[in-house]
Amino acid sequence: MNSRTYEEDDLLPLSGIQHFAYCKRQWGLIHVERQWIENLSTAEGRILHQRVDDPYFIESRGHVKTVRSIPLLSKTLGLYGVADLIELYRSTSNDCETQYSIVEYKRGKPKPEDWDEVQLCAQAICLEEMLGVSLDFGYMYYGETKRRHRVDFNESLRERVKTLAEEMHLLYEKGKTPAAEKSKRCKNCSVKEICLPKLSQLGKKIEAYMADLFNEMEE
């Protein structure tokens, strides 16, 4: 695993790791080419976060303090972003140790793959690096289920986050948007109107044709 430490100018948006896990081409269109189309799903997600994101909100209930919209940064992952909500639990024992829990809000319901979990785990790694703490788990809150779903930050999930982050940086540094690979996920993709999977695949055929043509000319 790459042990590179990234400088601030090299940091990528943490939210992109969810796009990258879902579809690398989607991530490229949004984060490399800066293309984006608002639809019902993205609008609902944006509105949900607007209700949650209040950097001046602090609430204390008993031994639990809740803060929102906390800036995050990790130089080992090379990512920066914002945590929707962080809870601080003050221990009742004499050591007064503080424990942390992180919560990410999403519209809809839990996904069949780990697309959301990698984003939450990346946030946790950022917080661990910033505060020198350790988080064993966090929560996804979904607008459709109206409840929290626990996510354990086990070693396999952490390694997947590190691998995805490294791949993102390699592609971003090359300025490369991955080619389209048509799948069932295309139906619900937020950028399907600009993805043009057929044209992308055709482009690869054209490149191969031109390469063969030039090779023949040189012979």
N, C-alpha and C. Protein backbone atom coordinates (compact mmCIF):
# COMPACT_ATOMS: atom_id res chain seq x y z
N MET A 1 0.83 -1.20 0.00
CA MET A 1 0.00 0.00 0.00
C MET A 1 0.87 1.25 0.00
N ASN A 2 0.46 2.21 -0.80
CA ASN A 2 1.20 3.45 -0.92
C ASN A 2 1.20 4.21 0.41
N SER A 3 2.38 4.63 0.89
CA SER A 3 2.49 5.36 2.15
C SER A 3 2.69 6.85 1.91
N ARG A 4 2.32 7.30 0.74
CA ARG A 4 2.50 8.70 0.36
C ARG A 4 1.70 9.63 1.26
N THR A 5 2.29 10.79 1.54
CA THR A 5 1.59 11.85 2.25
C THR A 5 1.33 12.99 1.27
N TYR A 6 0.09 13.42 1.18
CA TYR A 6 -0.30 14.42 0.20
C TYR A 6 -0.22 15.83 0.79
N GLU A 7 0.15 16.78 -0.06
CA GLU A 7 0.14 18.18 0.34
C GLU A 7 -1.27 18.75 0.14
N GLU A 8 -1.52 19.92 0.73
CA GLU A 8 -2.86 20.50 0.68
C GLU A 8 -3.32 20.75 -0.75
N ASP A 9 -2.40 21.14 -1.63
CA ASP A 9 -2.78 21.42 -3.02
C ASP A 9 -3.18 20.15 -3.77
N ASP A 10 -2.84 18.99 -3.22
CA ASP A 10 -3.14 17.73 -3.89
C ASP A 10 -4.41 17.06 -3.38
N LEU A 11 -5.05 17.65 -2.38
CA LEU A 11 -6.21 17.02 -1.77
C LEU A 11 -7.41 16.98 -2.73
N LEU A 12 -8.16 15.89 -2.66
CA LEU A 12 -9.37 15.71 -3.46
C LEU A 12 -10.60 15.71 -2.55
N PRO A 13 -11.78 16.09 -3.09
CA PRO A 13 -13.00 16.08 -2.28
C PRO A 13 -13.33 14.68 -1.77
N LEU A 14 -13.54 14.59 -0.49
CA LEU A 14 -13.84 13.30 0.14
C LEU A 14 -15.13 12.70 -0.40
N SER A 15 -16.11 13.53 -0.72
CA SER A 15 -17.38 13.02 -1.23
C SER A 15 -17.21 12.22 -2.51
N GLY A 16 -16.11 12.46 -3.22
CA GLY A 16 -15.88 11.76 -4.47
C GLY A 16 -15.63 10.28 -4.31
N ILE A 17 -15.25 9.83 -3.12
CA ILE A 17 -14.94 8.41 -2.95
C ILE A 17 -16.21 7.57 -3.08
N GLN A 18 -17.35 8.16 -2.73
CA GLN A 18 -18.62 7.45 -2.91
C GLN A 18 -18.94 7.32 -4.39
N HIS A 19 -18.71 8.38 -5.16
CA HIS A 19 -18.91 8.33 -6.61
C HIS A 19 -17.97 7.31 -7.23
N PHE A 20 -16.72 7.30 -6.77
CA PHE A 20 -15.71 6.42 -7.33
C PHE A 20 -16.05 4.95 -7.08
N ALA A 21 -16.53 4.66 -5.87
CA ALA A 21 -16.91 3.29 -5.54
C ALA A 21 -18.12 2.84 -6.36
N TYR A 22 -19.03 3.78 -6.64
CA TYR A 22 -20.24 3.47 -7.42
C TYR A 22 -19.90 3.26 -8.89
N CYS A 23 -19.13 4.19 -9.44
CA CYS A 23 -18.75 4.12 -10.85
C CYS A 23 -17.57 5.06 -11.08
N LYS A 24 -16.46 4.52 -11.53
CA LYS A 24 -15.27 5.34 -11.72
C LYS A 24 -15.47 6.39 -12.81
N ARG A 25 -16.26 6.06 -13.81
CA ARG A 25 -16.53 7.04 -14.87
C ARG A 25 -17.38 8.19 -14.33
N GLN A 26 -18.37 7.87 -13.49
CA GLN A 26 -19.18 8.92 -12.88
C GLN A 26 -18.28 9.88 -12.11
N TRP A 27 -17.36 9.32 -11.33
CA TRP A 27 -16.43 10.16 -10.58
C TRP A 27 -15.61 11.03 -11.53
N GLY A 28 -15.12 10.46 -12.64
CA GLY A 28 -14.32 11.22 -13.58
C GLY A 28 -15.09 12.37 -14.20
N LEU A 29 -16.33 12.13 -14.59
CA LEU A 29 -17.15 13.17 -15.19
C LEU A 29 -17.39 14.32 -14.22
N ILE A 30 -17.60 13.97 -12.94
CA ILE A 30 -17.90 15.00 -11.94
C ILE A 30 -16.65 15.71 -11.45
N HIS A 31 -15.61 14.95 -11.13
CA HIS A 31 -14.45 15.53 -10.43
C HIS A 31 -13.27 15.85 -11.34
N VAL A 32 -13.17 15.21 -12.49
CA VAL A 32 -12.10 15.52 -13.43
C VAL A 32 -12.60 16.50 -14.48
N GLU A 33 -13.76 16.21 -15.08
CA GLU A 33 -14.29 17.06 -16.15
C GLU A 33 -15.23 18.14 -15.63
N ARG A 34 -15.60 18.09 -14.34
CA ARG A 34 -16.46 19.11 -13.72
C ARG A 34 -17.83 19.17 -14.37
N GLN A 35 -18.40 18.03 -14.69
CA GLN A 35 -19.73 17.98 -15.28
C GLN A 35 -20.71 17.48 -14.22
N TRP A 36 -21.91 18.06 -14.24
CA TRP A 36 -22.91 17.69 -13.24
C TRP A 36 -24.31 18.06 -13.73
N ILE A 37 -25.28 17.20 -13.45
CA ILE A 37 -26.67 17.49 -13.80
C ILE A 37 -27.53 17.26 -12.56
N GLU A 38 -28.29 18.28 -12.18
CA GLU A 38 -29.20 18.14 -11.03
C GLU A 38 -30.42 17.35 -11.44
N ASN A 39 -30.78 16.34 -10.64
CA ASN A 39 -32.02 15.61 -10.86
C ASN A 39 -32.76 15.48 -9.54
N LEU A 40 -33.86 14.75 -9.55
CA LEU A 40 -34.68 14.65 -8.34
C LEU A 40 -33.89 14.05 -7.18
N SER A 41 -33.13 13.01 -7.46
CA SER A 41 -32.39 12.33 -6.40
C SER A 41 -31.33 13.24 -5.80
N THR A 42 -30.55 13.93 -6.65
CA THR A 42 -29.50 14.81 -6.14
C THR A 42 -30.09 16.02 -5.42
N ALA A 43 -31.24 16.49 -5.91
CA ALA A 43 -31.90 17.63 -5.26
C ALA A 43 -32.39 17.25 -3.87
N GLU A 44 -32.96 16.06 -3.76
CA GLU A 44 -33.44 15.59 -2.46
C GLU A 44 -32.27 15.43 -1.49
N GLY A 45 -31.15 14.88 -1.99
CA GLY A 45 -29.97 14.72 -1.15
C GLY A 45 -29.41 16.06 -0.71
N ARG A 46 -29.39 17.03 -1.62
CA ARG A 46 -28.87 18.36 -1.29
C ARG A 46 -29.74 19.02 -0.23
N ILE A 47 -31.07 18.91 -0.36
CA ILE A 47 -31.98 19.51 0.60
C ILE A 47 -31.83 18.86 1.97
N LEU A 48 -31.66 17.52 1.99
CA LEU A 48 -31.47 16.81 3.25
C LEU A 48 -30.22 17.32 3.96
N HIS A 49 -29.12 17.52 3.22
CA HIS A 49 -27.89 18.01 3.83
C HIS A 49 -28.02 19.46 4.28
N GLN A 50 -28.80 20.25 3.56
CA GLN A 50 -28.99 21.64 3.96
C GLN A 50 -29.68 21.72 5.33
N ARG A 51 -30.54 20.77 5.59
CA ARG A 51 -31.23 20.74 6.89
C ARG A 51 -30.30 20.34 8.02
N VAL A 52 -29.29 19.54 7.67
CA VAL A 52 -28.36 19.03 8.68
C VAL A 52 -27.17 19.96 8.86
N ASP A 53 -26.67 20.53 7.76
CA ASP A 53 -25.42 21.29 7.78
C ASP A 53 -25.60 22.66 8.42
N ASP A 54 -25.21 22.78 9.65
CA ASP A 54 -25.24 24.04 10.37
C ASP A 54 -23.99 24.09 11.25
N PRO A 55 -22.94 24.76 10.78
CA PRO A 55 -21.67 24.76 11.52
C PRO A 55 -21.75 25.42 12.88
N TYR A 56 -22.84 26.16 13.16
CA TYR A 56 -22.97 26.83 14.43
C TYR A 56 -23.85 26.06 15.41
N PHE A 57 -24.33 24.88 14.96
CA PHE A 57 -25.20 24.09 15.82
C PHE A 57 -24.38 23.23 16.76
N ILE A 58 -24.60 23.41 18.05
CA ILE A 58 -24.00 22.57 19.08
C ILE A 58 -25.07 22.26 20.11
N GLU A 59 -25.24 20.99 20.39
CA GLU A 59 -26.29 20.59 21.33
C GLU A 59 -25.70 19.63 22.35
N SER A 60 -26.05 19.83 23.61
CA SER A 60 -25.58 18.96 24.68
C SER A 60 -26.77 18.35 25.39
N ARG A 61 -26.72 17.02 25.51
CA ARG A 61 -27.74 16.29 26.25
C ARG A 61 -27.04 15.28 27.15
N GLY A 62 -27.05 15.57 28.43
CA GLY A 62 -26.36 14.68 29.35
C GLY A 62 -24.87 14.66 29.06
N HIS A 63 -24.37 13.46 28.78
CA HIS A 63 -22.94 13.30 28.51
C HIS A 63 -22.63 13.30 27.01
N VAL A 64 -23.62 13.69 26.18
CA VAL A 64 -23.43 13.67 24.73
C VAL A 64 -23.51 15.09 24.17
N LYS A 65 -22.48 15.49 23.43
CA LYS A 65 -22.48 16.77 22.74
C LYS A 65 -22.51 16.51 21.24
N THR A 66 -23.38 17.21 20.52
CA THR A 66 -23.54 17.04 19.08
C THR A 66 -23.10 18.29 18.34
N VAL A 67 -22.23 18.12 17.35
CA VAL A 67 -21.79 19.24 16.51
C VAL A 67 -21.98 18.86 15.05
N ARG A 68 -22.22 19.84 14.19
CA ARG A 68 -22.49 19.58 12.78
C ARG A 68 -21.52 20.31 11.87
N SER A 69 -21.45 19.81 10.63
CA SER A 69 -20.64 20.43 9.58
C SER A 69 -19.19 20.66 10.03
N ILE A 70 -18.52 19.58 10.39
CA ILE A 70 -17.14 19.66 10.86
C ILE A 70 -16.18 19.43 9.70
N PRO A 71 -15.26 20.37 9.42
CA PRO A 71 -14.27 20.19 8.35
C PRO A 71 -13.37 18.99 8.65
N LEU A 72 -13.08 18.21 7.62
CA LEU A 72 -12.25 17.03 7.76
C LEU A 72 -11.09 17.08 6.76
N LEU A 73 -9.99 16.44 7.13
CA LEU A 73 -8.82 16.41 6.24
C LEU A 73 -7.93 15.24 6.61
N SER A 74 -7.44 14.56 5.59
CA SER A 74 -6.47 13.49 5.80
C SER A 74 -5.37 13.62 4.76
N LYS A 75 -4.13 13.79 5.21
CA LYS A 75 -3.02 13.87 4.28
C LYS A 75 -2.51 12.49 3.87
N THR A 76 -2.92 11.45 4.60
CA THR A 76 -2.53 10.10 4.18
C THR A 76 -3.46 9.58 3.09
N LEU A 77 -4.74 9.96 3.15
CA LEU A 77 -5.68 9.62 2.09
C LEU A 77 -5.66 10.66 0.97
N GLY A 78 -5.26 11.88 1.32
CA GLY A 78 -5.28 12.96 0.34
C GLY A 78 -6.68 13.45 0.07
N LEU A 79 -7.52 13.49 1.11
CA LEU A 79 -8.92 13.87 0.96
C LEU A 79 -9.30 14.95 1.96
N TYR A 80 -10.27 15.76 1.57
CA TYR A 80 -10.84 16.75 2.49
C TYR A 80 -12.34 16.81 2.30
N GLY A 81 -13.06 17.20 3.35
CA GLY A 81 -14.52 17.27 3.22
C GLY A 81 -15.14 17.79 4.50
N VAL A 82 -16.40 17.40 4.70
CA VAL A 82 -17.16 17.87 5.86
C VAL A 82 -17.95 16.69 6.42
N ALA A 83 -17.95 16.55 7.73
CA ALA A 83 -18.77 15.54 8.40
C ALA A 83 -20.13 16.15 8.71
N ASP A 84 -21.19 15.45 8.36
CA ASP A 84 -22.53 15.96 8.65
C ASP A 84 -22.73 16.17 10.14
N LEU A 85 -22.36 15.15 10.92
CA LEU A 85 -22.63 15.23 12.37
C LEU A 85 -21.61 14.38 13.12
N ILE A 86 -21.09 14.94 14.20
CA ILE A 86 -20.19 14.21 15.09
C ILE A 86 -20.72 14.31 16.51
N GLU A 87 -20.75 13.18 17.19
CA GLU A 87 -21.21 13.13 18.58
C GLU A 87 -20.01 12.86 19.49
N LEU A 88 -19.91 13.60 20.56
CA LEU A 88 -18.84 13.44 21.54
C LEU A 88 -19.46 12.90 22.82
N TYR A 89 -18.97 11.76 23.27
CA TYR A 89 -19.47 11.13 24.48
C TYR A 89 -18.43 11.30 25.59
N ARG A 90 -18.81 12.01 26.62
CA ARG A 90 -17.91 12.21 27.75
C ARG A 90 -18.07 11.06 28.74
N SER A 91 -16.98 10.39 29.02
CA SER A 91 -17.00 9.26 29.93
C SER A 91 -17.37 9.71 31.33
N THR A 92 -18.14 8.88 32.05
CA THR A 92 -18.52 9.20 33.43
C THR A 92 -17.45 8.75 34.42
N SER A 93 -16.44 8.06 33.92
CA SER A 93 -15.36 7.60 34.81
C SER A 93 -14.41 8.74 35.13
N ASN A 94 -13.47 8.50 35.99
CA ASN A 94 -12.55 9.55 36.43
C ASN A 94 -11.58 10.00 35.35
N ASP A 95 -11.35 9.15 34.33
CA ASP A 95 -10.37 9.52 33.30
C ASP A 95 -10.91 10.57 32.34
N CYS A 96 -12.23 10.80 32.35
CA CYS A 96 -12.87 11.84 31.52
C CYS A 96 -12.53 11.69 30.04
N GLU A 97 -12.37 10.47 29.59
CA GLU A 97 -12.04 10.22 28.19
C GLU A 97 -13.24 10.53 27.30
N THR A 98 -12.99 11.15 26.15
CA THR A 98 -14.06 11.47 25.20
C THR A 98 -14.04 10.47 24.06
N GLN A 99 -15.20 9.92 23.75
CA GLN A 99 -15.35 9.02 22.61
C GLN A 99 -16.13 9.74 21.53
N TYR A 100 -15.86 9.35 20.27
CA TYR A 100 -16.47 10.05 19.14
C TYR A 100 -17.27 9.09 18.28
N SER A 101 -18.36 9.61 17.74
CA SER A 101 -19.16 8.86 16.78
C SER A 101 -19.49 9.80 15.62
N ILE A 102 -19.43 9.27 14.40
CA ILE A 102 -19.65 10.09 13.22
C ILE A 102 -20.88 9.59 12.47
N VAL A 103 -21.68 10.54 11.96
CA VAL A 103 -22.95 10.20 11.29
C VAL A 103 -23.00 10.88 9.93
N GLU A 104 -23.33 10.12 8.89
CA GLU A 104 -23.49 10.66 7.54
C GLU A 104 -24.95 10.50 7.12
N TYR A 105 -25.53 11.56 6.58
CA TYR A 105 -26.93 11.55 6.16
C TYR A 105 -27.04 11.32 4.66
N LYS A 106 -27.94 10.42 4.28
CA LYS A 106 -28.20 10.13 2.88
C LYS A 106 -29.71 10.02 2.66
N ARG A 107 -30.13 10.39 1.45
CA ARG A 107 -31.52 10.15 1.07
C ARG A 107 -31.67 8.67 0.75
N GLY A 108 -32.90 8.22 0.56
CA GLY A 108 -33.12 6.84 0.15
C GLY A 108 -32.94 5.85 1.28
N LYS A 109 -32.36 4.71 0.95
CA LYS A 109 -32.22 3.61 1.89
C LYS A 109 -30.85 2.96 1.73
N PRO A 110 -30.49 2.02 2.62
CA PRO A 110 -29.17 1.37 2.52
C PRO A 110 -28.95 0.74 1.15
N LYS A 111 -27.71 0.84 0.66
CA LYS A 111 -27.36 0.35 -0.67
C LYS A 111 -26.91 -1.12 -0.61
N PRO A 112 -27.01 -1.83 -1.73
CA PRO A 112 -26.58 -3.23 -1.76
C PRO A 112 -25.06 -3.39 -1.71
N GLU A 113 -24.32 -2.34 -2.08
CA GLU A 113 -22.86 -2.38 -2.05
C GLU A 113 -22.34 -1.41 -0.99
N ASP A 114 -21.02 -1.25 -0.92
CA ASP A 114 -20.42 -0.44 0.15
C ASP A 114 -20.17 1.01 -0.26
N TRP A 115 -20.91 1.52 -1.23
CA TRP A 115 -20.67 2.86 -1.76
C TRP A 115 -20.74 3.93 -0.67
N ASP A 116 -21.72 3.83 0.21
CA ASP A 116 -21.87 4.82 1.28
C ASP A 116 -20.90 4.55 2.42
N GLU A 117 -20.66 3.28 2.71
CA GLU A 117 -19.79 2.91 3.82
C GLU A 117 -18.36 3.42 3.63
N VAL A 118 -17.88 3.39 2.38
CA VAL A 118 -16.50 3.85 2.16
C VAL A 118 -16.38 5.35 2.44
N GLN A 119 -17.43 6.11 2.12
CA GLN A 119 -17.40 7.55 2.40
C GLN A 119 -17.38 7.80 3.91
N LEU A 120 -18.22 7.07 4.64
CA LEU A 120 -18.26 7.24 6.09
C LEU A 120 -16.94 6.82 6.73
N CYS A 121 -16.37 5.72 6.26
CA CYS A 121 -15.09 5.26 6.80
C CYS A 121 -13.97 6.25 6.49
N ALA A 122 -13.99 6.84 5.31
CA ALA A 122 -13.00 7.86 4.96
C ALA A 122 -13.11 9.06 5.90
N GLN A 123 -14.33 9.44 6.24
CA GLN A 123 -14.53 10.53 7.18
C GLN A 123 -13.94 10.17 8.54
N ALA A 124 -14.16 8.92 8.95
CA ALA A 124 -13.64 8.47 10.24
C ALA A 124 -12.12 8.49 10.26
N ILE A 125 -11.49 8.06 9.17
CA ILE A 125 -10.03 8.07 9.09
C ILE A 125 -9.50 9.50 9.18
N CYS A 126 -10.20 10.44 8.55
CA CYS A 126 -9.83 11.85 8.65
C CYS A 126 -9.88 12.32 10.10
N LEU A 127 -10.97 12.00 10.77
CA LEU A 127 -11.14 12.44 12.16
C LEU A 127 -10.10 11.81 13.07
N GLU A 128 -9.80 10.54 12.84
CA GLU A 128 -8.77 9.86 13.62
C GLU A 128 -7.42 10.54 13.45
N GLU A 129 -7.11 10.88 12.21
CA GLU A 129 -5.82 11.51 11.91
C GLU A 129 -5.74 12.91 12.51
N MET A 130 -6.84 13.64 12.48
CA MET A 130 -6.86 15.01 12.98
C MET A 130 -6.77 15.09 14.50
N LEU A 131 -7.46 14.15 15.19
CA LEU A 131 -7.57 14.23 16.64
C LEU A 131 -6.73 13.19 17.38
N GLY A 132 -6.12 12.26 16.63
CA GLY A 132 -5.35 11.22 17.28
C GLY A 132 -6.20 10.27 18.10
N VAL A 133 -7.41 9.97 17.58
CA VAL A 133 -8.33 9.09 18.28
C VAL A 133 -8.57 7.84 17.44
N SER A 134 -9.40 6.95 17.94
CA SER A 134 -9.74 5.73 17.22
C SER A 134 -11.25 5.55 17.22
N LEU A 135 -11.81 5.29 16.04
CA LEU A 135 -13.25 5.07 15.91
C LEU A 135 -13.49 3.64 15.42
N ASP A 136 -14.29 2.91 16.14
CA ASP A 136 -14.59 1.53 15.77
C ASP A 136 -15.79 1.43 14.83
N PHE A 137 -16.68 2.40 14.89
CA PHE A 137 -17.88 2.36 14.06
C PHE A 137 -18.48 3.75 13.92
N GLY A 138 -19.42 3.88 12.99
CA GLY A 138 -20.16 5.12 12.78
C GLY A 138 -21.55 4.76 12.31
N TYR A 139 -22.30 5.75 11.85
CA TYR A 139 -23.69 5.50 11.45
C TYR A 139 -24.03 6.20 10.13
N MET A 140 -24.81 5.50 9.31
CA MET A 140 -25.48 6.10 8.15
C MET A 140 -26.92 6.34 8.54
N TYR A 141 -27.40 7.56 8.31
CA TYR A 141 -28.82 7.86 8.53
C TYR A 141 -29.47 8.06 7.17
N TYR A 142 -30.50 7.26 6.88
CA TYR A 142 -31.17 7.32 5.59
C TYR A 142 -32.55 7.97 5.71
N GLY A 143 -32.84 8.89 4.77
CA GLY A 143 -34.10 9.62 4.81
C GLY A 143 -35.31 8.74 4.62
N GLU A 144 -35.15 7.61 3.92
CA GLU A 144 -36.30 6.74 3.67
C GLU A 144 -36.61 5.84 4.86
N THR A 145 -35.59 5.35 5.53
CA THR A 145 -35.82 4.48 6.69
C THR A 145 -36.01 5.27 7.98
N LYS A 146 -35.55 6.52 7.98
CA LYS A 146 -35.66 7.39 9.15
C LYS A 146 -34.97 6.81 10.39
N ARG A 147 -33.88 6.11 10.17
CA ARG A 147 -33.13 5.59 11.31
C ARG A 147 -31.67 5.39 10.94
N ARG A 148 -30.87 5.18 11.96
CA ARG A 148 -29.44 4.98 11.77
C ARG A 148 -29.12 3.51 11.48
N HIS A 149 -28.06 3.34 10.68
CA HIS A 149 -27.57 2.00 10.37
C HIS A 149 -26.08 1.98 10.71
N ARG A 150 -25.71 1.09 11.60
CA ARG A 150 -24.32 1.05 12.08
C ARG A 150 -23.38 0.51 11.00
N VAL A 151 -22.20 1.13 10.91
CA VAL A 151 -21.15 0.69 10.00
C VAL A 151 -19.89 0.45 10.82
N ASP A 152 -19.37 -0.76 10.80
CA ASP A 152 -18.14 -1.08 11.53
C ASP A 152 -16.93 -0.77 10.66
N PHE A 153 -15.98 -0.06 11.23
CA PHE A 153 -14.78 0.31 10.49
C PHE A 153 -13.72 -0.79 10.65
N ASN A 154 -13.99 -1.94 10.04
CA ASN A 154 -13.07 -3.06 10.14
C ASN A 154 -11.89 -2.86 9.19
N GLU A 155 -10.93 -3.77 9.27
CA GLU A 155 -9.69 -3.61 8.51
C GLU A 155 -9.93 -3.70 7.00
N SER A 156 -10.84 -4.58 6.57
CA SER A 156 -11.10 -4.72 5.14
C SER A 156 -11.71 -3.45 4.55
N LEU A 157 -12.61 -2.80 5.29
CA LEU A 157 -13.22 -1.56 4.81
C LEU A 157 -12.17 -0.45 4.78
N ARG A 158 -11.33 -0.39 5.77
CA ARG A 158 -10.28 0.63 5.81
C ARG A 158 -9.31 0.46 4.63
N GLU A 159 -8.95 -0.78 4.33
CA GLU A 159 -8.03 -1.03 3.22
C GLU A 159 -8.69 -0.67 1.89
N ARG A 160 -9.99 -0.94 1.78
CA ARG A 160 -10.69 -0.57 0.54
C ARG A 160 -10.71 0.95 0.35
N VAL A 161 -10.92 1.68 1.43
CA VAL A 161 -10.90 3.14 1.37
C VAL A 161 -9.53 3.64 0.90
N LYS A 162 -8.47 3.08 1.44
CA LYS A 162 -7.12 3.50 1.07
C LYS A 162 -6.83 3.18 -0.40
N THR A 163 -7.29 2.02 -0.85
CA THR A 163 -7.08 1.63 -2.24
C THR A 163 -7.84 2.55 -3.19
N LEU A 164 -9.09 2.83 -2.87
CA LEU A 164 -9.89 3.71 -3.71
C LEU A 164 -9.29 5.12 -3.77
N ALA A 165 -8.85 5.62 -2.63
CA ALA A 165 -8.27 6.97 -2.59
C ALA A 165 -7.00 7.03 -3.45
N GLU A 166 -6.19 5.99 -3.37
CA GLU A 166 -4.96 5.96 -4.17
C GLU A 166 -5.28 5.94 -5.67
N GLU A 167 -6.27 5.13 -6.07
CA GLU A 167 -6.66 5.06 -7.48
C GLU A 167 -7.22 6.39 -7.97
N MET A 168 -7.99 7.06 -7.12
CA MET A 168 -8.54 8.37 -7.46
C MET A 168 -7.42 9.36 -7.77
N HIS A 169 -6.40 9.39 -6.94
CA HIS A 169 -5.29 10.33 -7.14
C HIS A 169 -4.52 10.02 -8.41
N LEU A 170 -4.32 8.75 -8.70
CA LEU A 170 -3.59 8.38 -9.91
C LEU A 170 -4.32 8.84 -11.17
N LEU A 171 -5.64 8.63 -11.19
CA LEU A 171 -6.43 9.05 -12.35
C LEU A 171 -6.53 10.57 -12.44
N TYR A 172 -6.67 11.22 -11.29
CA TYR A 172 -6.80 12.68 -11.29
C TYR A 172 -5.52 13.34 -11.77
N GLU A 173 -4.39 12.81 -11.34
CA GLU A 173 -3.10 13.36 -11.77
C GLU A 173 -2.88 13.21 -13.27
N LYS A 174 -3.46 12.14 -13.84
CA LYS A 174 -3.38 11.93 -15.28
C LYS A 174 -4.46 12.71 -16.03
N GLY A 175 -5.42 13.28 -15.29
CA GLY A 175 -6.54 13.98 -15.93
C GLY A 175 -7.40 13.05 -16.75
N LYS A 176 -7.52 11.81 -16.29
CA LYS A 176 -8.16 10.77 -17.09
C LYS A 176 -9.53 10.40 -16.54
N THR A 177 -10.53 10.41 -17.43
CA THR A 177 -11.87 9.92 -17.09
C THR A 177 -12.00 8.50 -17.60
N PRO A 178 -12.25 7.54 -16.72
CA PRO A 178 -12.36 6.14 -17.15
C PRO A 178 -13.45 5.94 -18.20
N ALA A 179 -13.25 4.95 -19.05
CA ALA A 179 -14.25 4.63 -20.08
C ALA A 179 -15.50 4.06 -19.43
N ALA A 180 -16.62 4.17 -20.15
CA ALA A 180 -17.90 3.69 -19.64
C ALA A 180 -17.96 2.17 -19.68
N GLU A 181 -18.55 1.62 -18.65
CA GLU A 181 -18.84 0.19 -18.59
C GLU A 181 -20.31 0.05 -18.23
N LYS A 182 -21.12 -0.31 -19.19
CA LYS A 182 -22.56 -0.34 -18.98
C LYS A 182 -22.94 -1.42 -17.99
N SER A 183 -23.81 -1.05 -17.04
CA SER A 183 -24.29 -1.99 -16.02
C SER A 183 -25.66 -1.55 -15.54
N LYS A 184 -26.23 -2.30 -14.61
CA LYS A 184 -27.55 -1.97 -14.06
C LYS A 184 -27.52 -0.65 -13.32
N ARG A 185 -26.36 -0.25 -12.85
CA ARG A 185 -26.26 1.00 -12.10
C ARG A 185 -26.48 2.23 -12.98
N CYS A 186 -26.29 2.08 -14.29
CA CYS A 186 -26.44 3.21 -15.21
C CYS A 186 -27.84 3.82 -15.13
N LYS A 187 -28.84 2.98 -14.86
CA LYS A 187 -30.23 3.43 -14.83
C LYS A 187 -30.46 4.52 -13.80
N ASN A 188 -29.80 4.41 -12.65
CA ASN A 188 -30.00 5.36 -11.56
C ASN A 188 -28.86 6.36 -11.42
N CYS A 189 -27.97 6.41 -12.41
CA CYS A 189 -26.82 7.30 -12.32
C CYS A 189 -27.23 8.76 -12.50
N SER A 190 -26.66 9.63 -11.69
CA SER A 190 -27.02 11.05 -11.74
C SER A 190 -26.44 11.76 -12.95
N VAL A 191 -25.48 11.14 -13.65
CA VAL A 191 -24.87 11.79 -14.83
C VAL A 191 -25.06 10.94 -16.09
N LYS A 192 -26.08 10.10 -16.11
CA LYS A 192 -26.26 9.20 -17.25
C LYS A 192 -26.50 9.95 -18.57
N GLU A 193 -27.07 11.17 -18.50
CA GLU A 193 -27.35 11.93 -19.72
C GLU A 193 -26.08 12.46 -20.39
N ILE A 194 -25.01 12.59 -19.62
CA ILE A 194 -23.76 13.11 -20.19
C ILE A 194 -22.67 12.04 -20.25
N CYS A 195 -22.99 10.85 -19.78
CA CYS A 195 -21.99 9.77 -19.75
C CYS A 195 -21.67 9.27 -21.16
N LEU A 196 -22.71 9.12 -22.00
CA LEU A 196 -22.55 8.67 -23.38
C LEU A 196 -21.72 7.38 -23.47
N PRO A 197 -22.19 6.30 -22.88
CA PRO A 197 -21.40 5.07 -22.87
C PRO A 197 -21.11 4.52 -24.27
N LYS A 198 -22.07 4.64 -25.20
CA LYS A 198 -21.84 4.13 -26.55
C LYS A 198 -20.73 4.91 -27.25
N LEU A 199 -20.74 6.24 -27.08
CA LEU A 199 -19.72 7.07 -27.69
C LEU A 199 -18.36 6.79 -27.07
N SER A 200 -18.34 6.56 -25.76
CA SER A 200 -17.09 6.25 -25.08
C SER A 200 -16.49 4.96 -25.61
N GLN A 201 -17.33 3.95 -25.78
CA GLN A 201 -16.85 2.68 -26.29
C GLN A 201 -16.40 2.82 -27.75
N LEU A 202 -17.12 3.65 -28.51
CA LEU A 202 -16.75 3.88 -29.91
C LEU A 202 -15.40 4.57 -29.99
N GLY A 203 -15.15 5.48 -29.02
CA GLY A 203 -13.87 6.18 -29.01
C GLY A 203 -12.70 5.23 -28.88
N LYS A 204 -12.86 4.18 -28.10
CA LYS A 204 -11.79 3.19 -27.95
C LYS A 204 -11.55 2.47 -29.27
N LYS A 205 -12.62 2.17 -30.03
CA LYS A 205 -12.48 1.50 -31.31
C LYS A 205 -11.77 2.41 -32.31
N ILE A 206 -12.11 3.71 -32.27
CA ILE A 206 -11.47 4.66 -33.18
C ILE A 206 -9.98 4.77 -32.87
N GLU A 207 -9.63 4.82 -31.58
CA GLU A 207 -8.23 4.91 -31.19
C GLU A 207 -7.47 3.68 -31.69
N ALA A 208 -8.08 2.52 -31.54
CA ALA A 208 -7.43 1.29 -32.00
C ALA A 208 -7.26 1.30 -33.52
N TYR A 209 -8.29 1.79 -34.24
CA TYR A 209 -8.24 1.86 -35.70
C TYR A 209 -7.12 2.79 -36.16
N MET A 210 -7.03 3.98 -35.52
CA MET A 210 -6.02 4.95 -35.89
C MET A 210 -4.61 4.42 -35.59
N ALA A 211 -4.47 3.70 -34.46
CA ALA A 211 -3.17 3.14 -34.12
C ALA A 211 -2.73 2.12 -35.15
N ASP A 212 -3.68 1.26 -35.60
CA ASP A 212 -3.36 0.27 -36.63
C ASP A 212 -3.00 0.94 -37.94
N LEU A 213 -3.71 2.03 -38.27
CA LEU A 213 -3.47 2.74 -39.51
C LEU A 213 -2.06 3.32 -39.54
N PHE A 214 -1.65 3.96 -38.42
CA PHE A 214 -0.32 4.55 -38.38
C PHE A 214 0.77 3.48 -38.40
N ASN A 215 0.48 2.35 -37.76
CA ASN A 215 1.45 1.25 -37.79
C ASN A 215 1.67 0.75 -39.21
N GLU A 216 0.57 0.66 -40.00
CA GLU A 216 0.67 0.22 -41.38
C GLU A 216 1.45 1.22 -42.23
N MET A 217 1.28 2.53 -41.94
CA MET A 217 1.98 3.56 -42.70
C MET A 217 3.48 3.52 -42.44
N GLU A 218 3.86 3.11 -41.20
CA GLU A 218 5.27 3.09 -40.86
C GLU A 218 5.98 1.87 -41.40
N GLU A 219 5.22 0.84 -41.74
CA GLU A 219 5.83 -0.40 -42.25
C GLU A 219 6.30 -0.27 -43.69
